[in-house]
Structure formats: C-alpha cells, structure tokens
Amino acid sequence: MKQFFRRLAPYMTGYSWRFVRAGFWALVYGAASAALAYLVKPIMDGIFIAQDRGDLLRIPLLVIGCYLLQGLGRYLQTVHLAFVGVVVVRRVRNRLLERILDFE
C-alpha cells in the first residue's frame, strides 16, 4: 500500500490546499454532527420536561442551523476531494496515453 501511494504522490502535487480545505470542511461536518447530539439534552429537558417557551423557538433554529452546516460541510468536502480525484485520474490517463503513443 505504501508503494501505491508513493507512485501516486507525483500526480497529486499542487493540490495540498484542496486537501486542507477538504479536511476543514470535514471538521465542520463533524462539529455540526456533534452539536446536533449535544442539542438533544436541551430539547428533552428544556422543551418537554420544563416546558420552557424560550427554548421552543431557539433550539429548533439551532437544529436547522446545525443541519445546514452539516450539509454544507459534507458538500464542500466532497467537491474538493472529487476535484483532486478527477485531476489525478486525468494526469494518469495522459501519462498512459503518452506511454502508449511512444511504443511505435
């Protein structure tokens, strides 16, 4: 496996910032997922048990915001990684075509 990544590394040069951005958006996605899990307790305690009317508006808006952040994070992570994947495949195909054409 190490040899595979060593051979693939030259094709991925110049796209390290895309990987960093994809990692950032993966962290945003993870944080939004964790925030959703964290909001379960205030929903149960504040709205259902204590019947707090203030939380009745605030917490659903936070849940919607967390889902929006989660979707945005997942989407942008996928876009950045797909871009790098397409570029790597294109570079490998071009190299393969050059090698095939040199066989004459």
PDB file of N, CA and C in Angstrom:
ATOM      1  N   MET A   1       0.820  -1.185   0.000  1.00  0.00           N
ATOM      2  CA  MET A   1       0.000   0.000   0.000  1.00  0.00           C
ATOM      3  C   MET A   1       0.871   1.260   0.000  1.00  0.00           C
ATOM      4  N   LYS A   2       1.969   1.174   0.734  1.00  0.00           N
ATOM      5  CA  LYS A   2       2.884   2.316   0.795  1.00  0.00           C
ATOM      6  C   LYS A   2       3.462   2.620  -0.586  1.00  0.00           C
ATOM      7  N   GLN A   3       3.760   1.564  -1.333  1.00  0.00           N
ATOM      8  CA  GLN A   3       4.310   1.751  -2.673  1.00  0.00           C
ATOM      9  C   GLN A   3       3.270   2.395  -3.601  1.00  0.00           C
ATOM     10  N   PHE A   4       2.017   2.013  -3.445  1.00  0.00           N
ATOM     11  CA  PHE A   4       0.949   2.593  -4.251  1.00  0.00           C
ATOM     12  C   PHE A   4       0.871   4.104  -4.042  1.00  0.00           C
ATOM     13  N   PHE A   5       0.877   4.539  -2.787  1.00  0.00           N
ATOM     14  CA  PHE A   5       0.796   5.974  -2.503  1.00  0.00           C
ATOM     15  C   PHE A   5       2.066   6.704  -2.924  1.00  0.00           C
ATOM     16  N   ARG A   6       3.192   6.036  -2.858  1.00  0.00           N
ATOM     17  CA  ARG A   6       4.437   6.651  -3.314  1.00  0.00           C
ATOM     18  C   ARG A   6       4.393   6.892  -4.821  1.00  0.00           C
ATOM     19  N   ARG A   7       3.813   5.965  -5.556  1.00  0.00           N
ATOM     20  CA  ARG A   7       3.698   6.147  -7.000  1.00  0.00           C
ATOM     21  C   ARG A   7       2.636   7.174  -7.367  1.00  0.00           C
ATOM     22  N   LEU A   8       1.608   7.292  -6.560  1.00  0.00           N
ATOM     23  CA  LEU A   8       0.517   8.208  -6.839  1.00  0.00           C
ATOM     24  C   LEU A   8       0.833   9.646  -6.433  1.00  0.00           C
ATOM     25  N   ALA A   9       1.754   9.841  -5.529  1.00  0.00           N
ATOM     26  CA  ALA A   9       2.074  11.165  -4.983  1.00  0.00           C
ATOM     27  C   ALA A   9       2.454  12.204  -6.046  1.00  0.00           C
ATOM     28  N   PRO A  10       3.251  11.876  -7.058  1.00  0.00           N
ATOM     29  CA  PRO A  10       3.600  12.910  -8.054  1.00  0.00           C
ATOM     30  C   PRO A  10       2.387  13.449  -8.813  1.00  0.00           C
ATOM     31  N   TYR A  11       1.359  12.662  -8.937  1.00  0.00           N
ATOM     32  CA  TYR A  11       0.169  13.105  -9.664  1.00  0.00           C
ATOM     33  C   TYR A  11      -0.690  14.046  -8.813  1.00  0.00           C
ATOM     34  N   MET A  12      -0.475  14.047  -7.516  1.00  0.00           N
ATOM     35  CA  MET A  12      -1.280  14.871  -6.620  1.00  0.00           C
ATOM     36  C   MET A  12      -0.577  16.150  -6.195  1.00  0.00           C
ATOM     37  N   THR A  13       0.585  16.422  -6.745  1.00  0.00           N
ATOM     38  CA  THR A  13       1.310  17.629  -6.358  1.00  0.00           C
ATOM     39  C   THR A  13       0.551  18.872  -6.803  1.00  0.00           C
ATOM     40  N   GLY A  14       0.614  19.883  -5.974  1.00  0.00           N
ATOM     41  CA  GLY A  14      -0.047  21.136  -6.286  1.00  0.00           C
ATOM     42  C   GLY A  14      -1.475  21.230  -5.777  1.00  0.00           C
ATOM     43  N   TYR A  15      -1.945  20.209  -5.138  1.00  0.00           N
ATOM     44  CA  TYR A  15      -3.327  20.212  -4.659  1.00  0.00           C
ATOM     45  C   TYR A  15      -3.428  19.995  -3.156  1.00  0.00           C
ATOM     46  N   SER A  16      -2.359  20.341  -2.444  1.00  0.00           N
ATOM     47  CA  SER A  16      -2.385  20.140  -0.989  1.00  0.00           C
ATOM     48  C   SER A  16      -3.397  21.061  -0.316  1.00  0.00           C
ATOM     49  N   TRP A  17      -3.600  22.268  -0.875  1.00  0.00           N
ATOM     50  CA  TRP A  17      -4.586  23.171  -0.283  1.00  0.00           C
ATOM     51  C   TRP A  17      -5.997  22.630  -0.431  1.00  0.00           C
ATOM     52  N   ARG A  18      -6.239  21.892  -1.492  1.00  0.00           N
ATOM     53  CA  ARG A  18      -7.555  21.259  -1.650  1.00  0.00           C
ATOM     54  C   ARG A  18      -7.777  20.227  -0.542  1.00  0.00           C
ATOM     55  N   PHE A  19      -6.719  19.489  -0.222  1.00  0.00           N
ATOM     56  CA  PHE A  19      -6.837  18.511   0.863  1.00  0.00           C
ATOM     57  C   PHE A  19      -7.050  19.212   2.202  1.00  0.00           C
ATOM     58  N   VAL A  20      -6.370  20.333   2.403  1.00  0.00           N
ATOM     59  CA  VAL A  20      -6.546  21.080   3.651  1.00  0.00           C
ATOM     60  C   VAL A  20      -7.975  21.603   3.751  1.00  0.00           C
ATOM     61  N   ARG A  21      -8.488  22.143   2.651  1.00  0.00           N
ATOM     62  CA  ARG A  21      -9.870  22.635   2.650  1.00  0.00           C
ATOM     63  C   ARG A  21     -10.860  21.499   2.892  1.00  0.00           C
ATOM     64  N   ALA A  22     -10.618  20.360   2.261  1.00  0.00           N
ATOM     65  CA  ALA A  22     -11.499  19.212   2.468  1.00  0.00           C
ATOM     66  C   ALA A  22     -11.450  18.767   3.930  1.00  0.00           C
ATOM     67  N   GLY A  23     -10.266  18.804   4.529  1.00  0.00           N
ATOM     68  CA  GLY A  23     -10.150  18.469   5.947  1.00  0.00           C
ATOM     69  C   GLY A  23     -10.879  19.459   6.830  1.00  0.00           C
ATOM     70  N   PHE A  24     -10.797  20.737   6.490  1.00  0.00           N
ATOM     71  CA  PHE A  24     -11.522  21.754   7.258  1.00  0.00           C
ATOM     72  C   PHE A  24     -13.018  21.510   7.197  1.00  0.00           C
ATOM     73  N   TRP A  25     -13.539  21.253   6.001  1.00  0.00           N
ATOM     74  CA  TRP A  25     -14.976  21.037   5.868  1.00  0.00           C
ATOM     75  C   TRP A  25     -15.409  19.723   6.511  1.00  0.00           C
ATOM     76  N   ALA A  26     -14.501  18.755   6.559  1.00  0.00           N
ATOM     77  CA  ALA A  26     -14.812  17.525   7.288  1.00  0.00           C
ATOM     78  C   ALA A  26     -14.935  17.818   8.784  1.00  0.00           C
ATOM     79  N   LEU A  27     -14.090  18.705   9.285  1.00  0.00           N
ATOM     80  CA  LEU A  27     -14.201  19.110  10.692  1.00  0.00           C
ATOM     81  C   LEU A  27     -15.491  19.879  10.960  1.00  0.00           C
ATOM     82  N   VAL A  28     -15.899  20.728  10.022  1.00  0.00           N
ATOM     83  CA  VAL A  28     -17.168  21.448  10.167  1.00  0.00           C
ATOM     84  C   VAL A  28     -18.322  20.455  10.203  1.00  0.00           C
ATOM     85  N   TYR A  29     -18.277  19.471   9.331  1.00  0.00           N
ATOM     86  CA  TYR A  29     -19.316  18.442   9.301  1.00  0.00           C
ATOM     87  C   TYR A  29     -19.357  17.672  10.623  1.00  0.00           C
ATOM     88  N   GLY A  30     -18.197  17.302  11.128  1.00  0.00           N
ATOM     89  CA  GLY A  30     -18.130  16.589  12.401  1.00  0.00           C
ATOM     90  C   GLY A  30     -18.607  17.433  13.573  1.00  0.00           C
ATOM     91  N   ALA A  31     -18.239  18.713  13.570  1.00  0.00           N
ATOM     92  CA  ALA A  31     -18.672  19.598  14.652  1.00  0.00           C
ATOM     93  C   ALA A  31     -20.177  19.806  14.620  1.00  0.00           C
ATOM     94  N   ALA A  32     -20.749  19.919  13.438  1.00  0.00           N
ATOM     95  CA  ALA A  32     -22.204  20.081  13.333  1.00  0.00           C
ATOM     96  C   ALA A  32     -22.919  18.813  13.784  1.00  0.00           C
ATOM     97  N   SER A  33     -22.353  17.655  13.473  1.00  0.00           N
ATOM     98  CA  SER A  33     -22.942  16.395  13.938  1.00  0.00           C
ATOM     99  C   SER A  33     -22.874  16.291  15.454  1.00  0.00           C
ATOM    100  N   ALA A  34     -21.759  16.703  16.024  1.00  0.00           N
ATOM    101  CA  ALA A  34     -21.621  16.683  17.480  1.00  0.00           C
ATOM    102  C   ALA A  34     -22.571  17.685  18.133  1.00  0.00           C
ATOM    103  N   ALA A  35     -22.740  18.834  17.512  1.00  0.00           N
ATOM    104  CA  ALA A  35     -23.657  19.836  18.056  1.00  0.00           C
ATOM    105  C   ALA A  35     -25.098  19.329  18.046  1.00  0.00           C
ATOM    106  N   LEU A  36     -25.452  18.578  17.015  1.00  0.00           N
ATOM    107  CA  LEU A  36     -26.793  18.000  16.972  1.00  0.00           C
ATOM    108  C   LEU A  36     -26.996  17.019  18.116  1.00  0.00           C
ATOM    109  N   ALA A  37     -25.990  16.221  18.388  1.00  0.00           N
ATOM    110  CA  ALA A  37     -26.087  15.287  19.510  1.00  0.00           C
ATOM    111  C   ALA A  37     -26.149  16.049  20.836  1.00  0.00           C
ATOM    112  N   TYR A  38     -25.425  17.145  20.922  1.00  0.00           N
ATOM    113  CA  TYR A  38     -25.430  17.954  22.141  1.00  0.00           C
ATOM    114  C   TYR A  38     -26.783  18.632  22.370  1.00  0.00           C
ATOM    115  N   LEU A  39     -27.507  18.944  21.307  1.00  0.00           N
ATOM    116  CA  LEU A  39     -28.794  19.640  21.428  1.00  0.00           C
ATOM    117  C   LEU A  39     -29.933  18.727  21.879  1.00  0.00           C
ATOM    118  N   VAL A  40     -29.718  17.436  21.920  1.00  0.00           N
ATOM    119  CA  VAL A  40     -30.784  16.524  22.333  1.00  0.00           C
ATOM    120  C   VAL A  40     -31.163  16.756  23.791  1.00  0.00           C
ATOM    121  N   LYS A  41     -30.185  16.961  24.674  1.00  0.00           N
ATOM    122  CA  LYS A  41     -30.475  17.177  26.090  1.00  0.00           C
ATOM    123  C   LYS A  41     -31.306  18.440  26.322  1.00  0.00           C
ATOM    124  N   PRO A  42     -30.943  19.609  25.765  1.00  0.00           N
ATOM    125  CA  PRO A  42     -31.804  20.781  25.957  1.00  0.00           C
ATOM    126  C   PRO A  42     -33.205  20.606  25.370  1.00  0.00           C
ATOM    127  N   ILE A  43     -33.293  19.836  24.286  1.00  0.00           N
ATOM    128  CA  ILE A  43     -34.619  19.604  23.712  1.00  0.00           C
ATOM    129  C   ILE A  43     -35.471  18.813  24.694  1.00  0.00           C
ATOM    130  N   MET A  44     -34.916  17.750  25.225  1.00  0.00           N
ATOM    131  CA  MET A  44     -35.671  16.908  26.154  1.00  0.00           C
ATOM    132  C   MET A  44     -35.944  17.628  27.473  1.00  0.00           C
ATOM    133  N   ASP A  45     -34.915  18.228  28.040  1.00  0.00           N
ATOM    134  CA  ASP A  45     -35.074  18.862  29.357  1.00  0.00           C
ATOM    135  C   ASP A  45     -35.821  20.186  29.279  1.00  0.00           C
ATOM    136  N   GLY A  46     -35.438  21.042  28.362  1.00  0.00           N
ATOM    137  CA  GLY A  46     -35.987  22.393  28.323  1.00  0.00           C
ATOM    138  C   GLY A  46     -37.380  22.468  27.744  1.00  0.00           C
ATOM    139  N   ILE A  47     -37.597  21.762  26.657  1.00  0.00           N
ATOM    140  CA  ILE A  47     -38.875  21.899  25.970  1.00  0.00           C
ATOM    141  C   ILE A  47     -39.918  20.931  26.534  1.00  0.00           C
ATOM    142  N   PHE A  48     -39.546  19.661  26.647  1.00  0.00           N
ATOM    143  CA  PHE A  48     -40.541  18.671  27.040  1.00  0.00           C
ATOM    144  C   PHE A  48     -40.768  18.601  28.553  1.00  0.00           C
ATOM    145  N   ILE A  49     -39.695  18.633  29.342  1.00  0.00           N
ATOM    146  CA  ILE A  49     -39.846  18.468  30.788  1.00  0.00           C
ATOM    147  C   ILE A  49     -40.171  19.795  31.464  1.00  0.00           C
ATOM    148  N   ALA A  50     -39.331  20.820  31.254  1.00  0.00           N
ATOM    149  CA  ALA A  50     -39.546  22.107  31.925  1.00  0.00           C
ATOM    150  C   ALA A  50     -40.570  22.981  31.200  1.00  0.00           C
ATOM    151  N   GLN A  51     -40.909  22.629  29.979  1.00  0.00           N
ATOM    152  CA  GLN A  51     -41.852  23.370  29.143  1.00  0.00           C
ATOM    153  C   GLN A  51     -41.478  24.855  29.052  1.00  0.00           C
ATOM    154  N   ASP A  52     -40.216  25.086  28.764  1.00  0.00           N
ATOM    155  CA  ASP A  52     -39.683  26.444  28.626  1.00  0.00           C
ATOM    156  C   ASP A  52     -40.039  26.972  27.236  1.00  0.00           C
ATOM    157  N   ARG A  53     -40.785  28.050  27.172  1.00  0.00           N
ATOM    158  CA  ARG A  53     -41.231  28.614  25.903  1.00  0.00           C
ATOM    159  C   ARG A  53     -40.088  29.301  25.149  1.00  0.00           C
ATOM    160  N   GLY A  54     -39.083  29.765  25.874  1.00  0.00           N
ATOM    161  CA  GLY A  54     -37.945  30.417  25.225  1.00  0.00           C
ATOM    162  C   GLY A  54     -37.145  29.448  24.381  1.00  0.00           C
ATOM    163  N   ASP A  55     -37.001  28.234  24.858  1.00  0.00           N
ATOM    164  CA  ASP A  55     -36.275  27.217  24.092  1.00  0.00           C
ATOM    165  C   ASP A  55     -37.078  26.696  22.915  1.00  0.00           C
ATOM    166  N   LEU A  56     -38.365  26.895  22.947  1.00  0.00           N
ATOM    167  CA  LEU A  56     -39.230  26.377  21.887  1.00  0.00           C
ATOM    168  C   LEU A  56     -38.916  27.004  20.533  1.00  0.00           C
ATOM    169  N   LEU A  57     -38.432  28.224  20.526  1.00  0.00           N
ATOM    170  CA  LEU A  57     -38.055  28.878  19.276  1.00  0.00           C
ATOM    171  C   LEU A  57     -36.552  28.772  19.014  1.00  0.00           C
ATOM    172  N   ARG A  58     -35.762  28.890  20.058  1.00  0.00           N
ATOM    173  CA  ARG A  58     -34.311  28.940  19.904  1.00  0.00           C
ATOM    174  C   ARG A  58     -33.728  27.592  19.463  1.00  0.00           C
ATOM    175  N   ILE A  59     -34.112  26.523  20.099  1.00  0.00           N
ATOM    176  CA  ILE A  59     -33.484  25.221  19.823  1.00  0.00           C
ATOM    177  C   ILE A  59     -33.829  24.693  18.424  1.00  0.00           C
ATOM    178  N   PRO A  60     -35.065  24.779  17.943  1.00  0.00           N
ATOM    179  CA  PRO A  60     -35.293  24.339  16.558  1.00  0.00           C
ATOM    180  C   PRO A  60     -34.489  25.138  15.530  1.00  0.00           C
ATOM    181  N   LEU A  61     -34.284  26.419  15.779  1.00  0.00           N
ATOM    182  CA  LEU A  61     -33.442  27.205  14.873  1.00  0.00           C
ATOM    183  C   LEU A  61     -31.993  26.728  14.917  1.00  0.00           C
ATOM    184  N   LEU A  62     -31.519  26.381  16.115  1.00  0.00           N
ATOM    185  CA  LEU A  62     -30.163  25.833  16.229  1.00  0.00           C
ATOM    186  C   LEU A  62     -30.042  24.490  15.522  1.00  0.00           C
ATOM    187  N   VAL A  63     -31.066  23.670  15.626  1.00  0.00           N
ATOM    188  CA  VAL A  63     -31.048  22.370  14.941  1.00  0.00           C
ATOM    189  C   VAL A  63     -31.013  22.573  13.433  1.00  0.00           C
ATOM    190  N   ILE A  64     -31.820  23.491  12.929  1.00  0.00           N
ATOM    191  CA  ILE A  64     -31.819  23.777  11.487  1.00  0.00           C
ATOM    192  C   ILE A  64     -30.455  24.310  11.056  1.00  0.00           C
ATOM    193  N   GLY A  65     -29.877  25.202  11.858  1.00  0.00           N
ATOM    194  CA  GLY A  65     -28.543  25.721  11.547  1.00  0.00           C
ATOM    195  C   GLY A  65     -27.485  24.635  11.538  1.00  0.00           C
ATOM    196  N   CYS A  66     -27.582  23.715  12.488  1.00  0.00           N
ATOM    197  CA  CYS A  66     -26.615  22.604  12.527  1.00  0.00           C
ATOM    198  C   CYS A  66     -26.759  21.712  11.303  1.00  0.00           C
ATOM    199  N   TYR A  67     -27.987  21.441  10.891  1.00  0.00           N
ATOM    200  CA  TYR A  67     -28.181  20.632   9.688  1.00  0.00           C
ATOM    201  C   TYR A  67     -27.676  21.349   8.443  1.00  0.00           C
ATOM    202  N   LEU A  68     -27.860  22.661   8.375  1.00  0.00           N
ATOM    203  CA  LEU A  68     -27.329  23.414   7.245  1.00  0.00           C
ATOM    204  C   LEU A  68     -25.802  23.372   7.213  1.00  0.00           C
ATOM    205  N   LEU A  69     -25.174  23.555   8.374  1.00  0.00           N
ATOM    206  CA  LEU A  69     -23.706  23.461   8.444  1.00  0.00           C
ATOM    207  C   LEU A  69     -23.220  22.067   8.099  1.00  0.00           C
ATOM    208  N   GLN A  70     -23.948  21.073   8.565  1.00  0.00           N
ATOM    209  CA  GLN A  70     -23.570  19.693   8.278  1.00  0.00           C
ATOM    210  C   GLN A  70     -23.642  19.421   6.769  1.00  0.00           C
ATOM    211  N   GLY A  71     -24.714  19.864   6.137  1.00  0.00           N
ATOM    212  CA  GLY A  71     -24.850  19.674   4.698  1.00  0.00           C
ATOM    213  C   GLY A  71     -23.809  20.440   3.908  1.00  0.00           C
ATOM    214  N   LEU A  72     -23.534  21.673   4.314  1.00  0.00           N
ATOM    215  CA  LEU A  72     -22.521  22.481   3.641  1.00  0.00           C
ATOM    216  C   LEU A  72     -21.138  21.843   3.783  1.00  0.00           C
ATOM    217  N   GLY A  73     -20.828  21.398   4.989  1.00  0.00           N
ATOM    218  CA  GLY A  73     -19.533  20.756   5.209  1.00  0.00           C
ATOM    219  C   GLY A  73     -19.363  19.498   4.388  1.00  0.00           C
ATOM    220  N   ARG A  74     -20.388  18.676   4.352  1.00  0.00           N
ATOM    221  CA  ARG A  74     -20.324  17.435   3.578  1.00  0.00           C
ATOM    222  C   ARG A  74     -20.192  17.727   2.085  1.00  0.00           C
ATOM    223  N   TYR A  75     -20.965  18.699   1.604  1.00  0.00           N
ATOM    224  CA  TYR A  75     -20.934  19.048   0.185  1.00  0.00           C
ATOM    225  C   TYR A  75     -19.561  19.573  -0.234  1.00  0.00           C
ATOM    226  N   LEU A  76     -19.022  20.537   0.521  1.00  0.00           N
ATOM    227  CA  LEU A  76     -17.745  21.137   0.130  1.00  0.00           C
ATOM    228  C   LEU A  76     -16.584  20.168   0.299  1.00  0.00           C
ATOM    229  N   GLN A  77     -16.655  19.294   1.277  1.00  0.00           N
ATOM    230  CA  GLN A  77     -15.629  18.264   1.406  1.00  0.00           C
ATOM    231  C   GLN A  77     -15.649  17.355   0.176  1.00  0.00           C
ATOM    232  N   THR A  78     -16.825  16.956  -0.248  1.00  0.00           N
ATOM    233  CA  THR A  78     -16.965  16.089  -1.415  1.00  0.00           C
ATOM    234  C   THR A  78     -16.495  16.786  -2.686  1.00  0.00           C
ATOM    235  N   VAL A  79     -16.805  18.071  -2.826  1.00  0.00           N
ATOM    236  CA  VAL A  79     -16.396  18.818  -4.019  1.00  0.00           C
ATOM    237  C   VAL A  79     -14.877  18.896  -4.115  1.00  0.00           C
ATOM    238  N   HIS A  80     -14.223  19.224  -3.013  1.00  0.00           N
ATOM    239  CA  HIS A  80     -12.764  19.357  -3.048  1.00  0.00           C
ATOM    240  C   HIS A  80     -12.087  18.014  -3.316  1.00  0.00           C
ATOM    241  N   LEU A  81     -12.544  16.964  -2.682  1.00  0.00           N
ATOM    242  CA  LEU A  81     -11.925  15.653  -2.907  1.00  0.00           C
ATOM    243  C   LEU A  81     -12.227  15.117  -4.300  1.00  0.00           C
ATOM    244  N   ALA A  82     -13.424  15.367  -4.807  1.00  0.00           N
ATOM    245  CA  ALA A  82     -13.753  14.931  -6.167  1.00  0.00           C
ATOM    246  C   ALA A  82     -12.911  15.674  -7.193  1.00  0.00           C
ATOM    247  N   PHE A  83     -12.663  16.964  -6.956  1.00  0.00           N
ATOM    248  CA  PHE A  83     -11.821  17.734  -7.872  1.00  0.00           C
ATOM    249  C   PHE A  83     -10.424  17.132  -7.954  1.00  0.00           C
ATOM    250  N   VAL A  84      -9.841  16.838  -6.808  1.00  0.00           N
ATOM    251  CA  VAL A  84      -8.498  16.241  -6.793  1.00  0.00           C
ATOM    252  C   VAL A  84      -8.530  14.870  -7.473  1.00  0.00           C
ATOM    253  N   GLY A  85      -9.573  14.096  -7.219  1.00  0.00           N
ATOM    254  CA  GLY A  85      -9.685  12.777  -7.843  1.00  0.00           C
ATOM    255  C   GLY A  85      -9.746  12.854  -9.349  1.00  0.00           C
ATOM    256  N   VAL A  86     -10.507  13.801  -9.862  1.00  0.00           N
ATOM    257  CA  VAL A  86     -10.628  13.952 -11.318  1.00  0.00           C
ATOM    258  C   VAL A  86      -9.293  14.379 -11.918  1.00  0.00           C
ATOM    259  N   VAL A  87      -8.598  15.276 -11.262  1.00  0.00           N
ATOM    260  CA  VAL A  87      -7.310  15.745 -11.777  1.00  0.00           C
ATOM    261  C   VAL A  87      -6.290  14.607 -11.777  1.00  0.00           C
ATOM    262  N   VAL A  88      -6.269  13.822 -10.723  1.00  0.00           N
ATOM    263  CA  VAL A  88      -5.322  12.704 -10.642  1.00  0.00           C
ATOM    264  C   VAL A  88      -5.616  11.685 -11.736  1.00  0.00           C
ATOM    265  N   VAL A  89      -6.876  11.340 -11.927  1.00  0.00           N
ATOM    266  CA  VAL A  89      -7.234  10.381 -12.977  1.00  0.00           C
ATOM    267  C   VAL A  89      -6.862  10.923 -14.346  1.00  0.00           C
ATOM    268  N   ARG A  90      -7.084  12.219 -14.580  1.00  0.00           N
ATOM    269  CA  ARG A  90      -6.721  12.818 -15.868  1.00  0.00           C
ATOM    270  C   ARG A  90      -5.216  12.753 -16.088  1.00  0.00           C
ATOM    271  N   ARG A  91      -4.447  13.046 -15.059  1.00  0.00           N
ATOM    272  CA  ARG A  91      -2.986  13.000 -15.195  1.00  0.00           C
ATOM    273  C   ARG A  91      -2.494  11.578 -15.466  1.00  0.00           C
ATOM    274  N   VAL A  92      -3.075  10.604 -14.796  1.00  0.00           N
ATOM    275  CA  VAL A  92      -2.671   9.208 -15.015  1.00  0.00           C
ATOM    276  C   VAL A  92      -3.037   8.780 -16.425  1.00  0.00           C
ATOM    277  N   ARG A  93      -4.216   9.153 -16.885  1.00  0.00           N
ATOM    278  CA  ARG A  93      -4.626   8.801 -18.251  1.00  0.00           C
ATOM    279  C   ARG A  93      -3.721   9.456 -19.289  1.00  0.00           C
ATOM    280  N   ASN A  94      -3.379  10.719 -19.093  1.00  0.00           N
ATOM    281  CA  ASN A  94      -2.482  11.394 -20.030  1.00  0.00           C
ATOM    282  C   ASN A  94      -1.119  10.726 -20.070  1.00  0.00           C
ATOM    283  N   ARG A  95      -0.623  10.350 -18.907  1.00  0.00           N
ATOM    284  CA  ARG A  95       0.678   9.660 -18.855  1.00  0.00           C
ATOM    285  C   ARG A  95       0.602   8.308 -19.553  1.00  0.00           C
ATOM    286  N   LEU A  96      -0.494   7.590 -19.344  1.00  0.00           N
ATOM    287  CA  LEU A  96      -0.685   6.303 -20.005  1.00  0.00           C
ATOM    288  C   LEU A  96      -0.768   6.473 -21.514  1.00  0.00           C
ATOM    289  N   LEU A  97      -1.487   7.486 -21.961  1.00  0.00           N
ATOM    290  CA  LEU A  97      -1.588   7.739 -23.405  1.00  0.00           C
ATOM    291  C   LEU A  97      -0.222   8.077 -23.985  1.00  0.00           C
ATOM    292  N   GLU A  98       0.555   8.893 -23.283  1.00  0.00           N
ATOM    293  CA  GLU A  98       1.904   9.210 -23.764  1.00  0.00           C
ATOM    294  C   GLU A  98       2.756   7.954 -23.883  1.00  0.00           C
ATOM    295  N   ARG A  99       2.665   7.078 -22.908  1.00  0.00           N
ATOM    296  CA  ARG A  99       3.452   5.835 -22.955  1.00  0.00           C
ATOM    297  C   ARG A  99       3.009   4.929 -24.098  1.00  0.00           C
ATOM    298  N   ILE A 100       1.707   4.854 -24.333  1.00  0.00           N
ATOM    299  CA  ILE A 100       1.191   4.023 -25.431  1.00  0.00           C
ATOM    300  C   ILE A 100       1.630   4.596 -26.772  1.00  0.00           C
ATOM    301  N   LEU A 101       1.573   5.911 -26.914  1.00  0.00           N
ATOM    302  CA  LEU A 101       1.968   6.513 -28.197  1.00  0.00           C
ATOM    303  C   LEU A 101       3.460   6.420 -28.441  1.00  0.00           C
ATOM    304  N   ASP A 102       4.249   6.270 -27.392  1.00  0.00           N
ATOM    305  CA  ASP A 102       5.701   6.132 -27.560  1.00  0.00           C
ATOM    306  C   ASP A 102       6.115   4.724 -27.990  1.00  0.00           C
ATOM    307  N   PHE A 103       5.191   3.769 -28.023  1.00  0.00           N
ATOM    308  CA  PHE A 103       5.529   2.389 -28.382  1.00  0.00           C
ATOM    309  C   PHE A 103       5.758   2.188 -29.877  1.00  0.00           C
ATOM    310  N   GLU A 104       5.474   3.151 -30.707  1.00  0.00           N
ATOM    311  CA  GLU A 104       5.594   2.987 -32.149  1.00  0.00           C
ATOM    312  C   GLU A 104       6.922   2.475 -32.564  1.00  0.00           C
TER     313      GLU A 104
END
